[in-house]
Amino acid sequence: MTDDFEEAVESIRSKKNKGGRDRIYEIIGFALMIAGALLAFIAYFVAGSQNSGNLSIDSLEHNEHIILAIFGLTLSIIGGFIYIRFSIGRFLRFWLLRQIYESKSKD
């Protein structure tokens, strides 16, 4: 039964297209998560460092940077969901395969 399990795991690992695509999405999700967080921090610090003395101009510029920071946080959250989905998906495939073979060995 162990040999069957090892063969099934190897057959899953040998499928290059789906595994490679999942890995690419995982990397894209991680990159979006980091880029969004950096964008939010940069927008926050730029908004805090601007002070021209004219309150109406400063308010407009701060609003633009607030919108940019919110976009960065949204991008980071979406990237986090993509990263978690594809990294946990790969783990759950192997877990489900192990559960199937363990239930067969009990019979």
Protein backbone atom coordinates (compact mmCIF):
# COMPACT_ATOMS: atom_id res chain seq x y z
CA MET A 1 0.00 0.00 0.00
CA THR A 2 2.92 2.34 0.70
CA ASP A 3 4.24 1.82 -2.81
CA ASP A 4 0.86 2.83 -4.26
CA PHE A 5 0.89 5.98 -2.14
CA GLU A 6 4.41 6.90 -3.24
CA GLU A 7 3.47 6.32 -6.90
CA ALA A 8 0.40 8.54 -6.55
CA VAL A 9 2.45 11.31 -4.94
CA GLU A 10 5.04 11.10 -7.72
CA SER A 11 2.31 11.22 -10.37
CA ILE A 12 0.95 14.41 -8.79
CA ARG A 13 4.43 15.95 -8.67
CA SER A 14 5.18 14.93 -12.25
CA LYS A 15 2.26 16.94 -13.65
CA LYS A 16 4.23 20.00 -14.69
CA ASN A 17 1.48 22.19 -16.16
CA LYS A 18 -0.87 22.43 -13.22
CA GLY A 19 1.82 22.45 -10.56
CA GLY A 20 3.84 25.06 -12.40
CA ARG A 21 0.80 27.24 -12.91
CA ASP A 22 -0.11 26.99 -9.22
CA ARG A 23 3.43 27.97 -8.27
CA ILE A 24 3.30 30.98 -10.62
CA TYR A 25 0.02 32.15 -9.08
CA GLU A 26 1.50 31.68 -5.63
CA ILE A 27 4.49 33.87 -6.55
CA ILE A 28 2.21 36.49 -8.14
CA GLY A 29 0.06 36.58 -5.00
CA PHE A 30 3.10 37.01 -2.78
CA ALA A 31 4.47 39.78 -5.02
CA LEU A 32 1.11 41.60 -4.99
CA MET A 33 0.98 41.31 -1.22
CA ILE A 34 4.44 42.86 -0.80
CA ALA A 35 3.92 45.51 -3.51
CA GLY A 36 0.59 46.60 -2.03
CA ALA A 37 2.07 46.97 1.44
CA LEU A 38 5.01 48.98 0.08
CA LEU A 39 2.67 51.21 -1.92
CA ALA A 40 0.56 51.91 1.17
CA PHE A 41 3.60 52.78 3.31
CA ILE A 42 5.10 55.01 0.62
CA ALA A 43 1.79 56.86 0.14
CA TYR A 44 1.45 57.29 3.90
CA PHE A 45 4.94 58.74 4.34
CA VAL A 46 4.67 61.01 1.29
CA ALA A 47 1.33 62.36 2.52
CA GLY A 48 2.83 63.08 5.94
CA SER A 49 5.85 64.88 4.55
CA GLN A 50 3.95 67.34 2.33
CA ASN A 51 3.12 70.73 3.76
CA SER A 52 2.90 73.66 1.34
CA GLY A 53 1.16 76.03 3.73
CA ASN A 54 -2.02 76.23 1.66
CA LEU A 55 -4.64 74.14 3.45
CA SER A 56 -6.88 73.56 0.39
CA ILE A 57 -3.99 72.26 -1.75
CA ASP A 58 -2.68 70.09 1.11
CA SER A 59 -6.12 68.55 1.63
CA LEU A 60 -6.40 67.60 -2.05
CA GLU A 61 -2.92 66.09 -2.08
CA HIS A 62 -3.59 64.18 1.13
CA ASN A 63 -6.82 62.82 -0.32
CA GLU A 64 -4.93 61.55 -3.37
CA HIS A 65 -2.39 59.82 -1.16
CA ILE A 66 -5.11 58.34 1.04
CA ILE A 67 -6.75 56.85 -2.05
CA LEU A 68 -3.39 55.48 -3.18
CA ALA A 69 -2.77 53.97 0.28
CA ILE A 70 -6.21 52.32 0.30
CA PHE A 71 -5.51 50.91 -3.17
CA GLY A 72 -2.20 49.53 -1.87
CA LEU A 73 -3.89 47.87 1.09
CA THR A 74 -6.56 46.39 -1.19
CA LEU A 75 -3.86 45.08 -3.51
CA SER A 76 -2.06 43.56 -0.54
CA ILE A 77 -5.21 41.82 0.72
CA ILE A 78 -6.02 40.42 -2.73
CA GLY A 79 -2.44 39.20 -3.12
CA GLY A 80 -2.63 37.57 0.29
CA PHE A 81 -5.80 35.70 -0.65
CA ILE A 82 -4.24 34.51 -3.91
CA TYR A 83 -1.09 33.38 -2.11
CA ILE A 84 -2.99 31.53 0.62
CA ARG A 85 -5.38 29.88 -1.84
CA PHE A 86 -2.67 28.36 -4.00
CA SER A 87 -0.26 27.44 -1.21
CA ILE A 88 -2.97 25.74 0.86
CA GLY A 89 -4.44 24.11 -2.27
CA ARG A 90 -1.19 22.29 -2.93
CA PHE A 91 -1.00 21.13 0.70
CA LEU A 92 -4.61 19.92 0.70
CA ARG A 93 -4.09 17.80 -2.43
CA PHE A 94 -1.38 15.79 -0.70
CA TRP A 95 -3.38 15.64 2.53
CA LEU A 96 -6.46 14.31 0.72
CA LEU A 97 -4.36 11.74 -1.12
CA ARG A 98 -2.88 10.56 2.17
CA GLN A 99 -6.35 10.32 3.73
CA ILE A 100 -7.60 8.20 0.83
CA TYR A 101 -4.71 5.76 1.08
CA GLU A 102 -4.98 5.53 4.85
CA SER A 103 -8.69 4.75 4.61
CA LYS A 104 -7.96 2.05 2.00
CA SER A 105 -5.34 0.46 4.25
CA LYS A 106 -7.84 0.22 7.16
CA ASP A 107 -10.27 -1.81 5.01
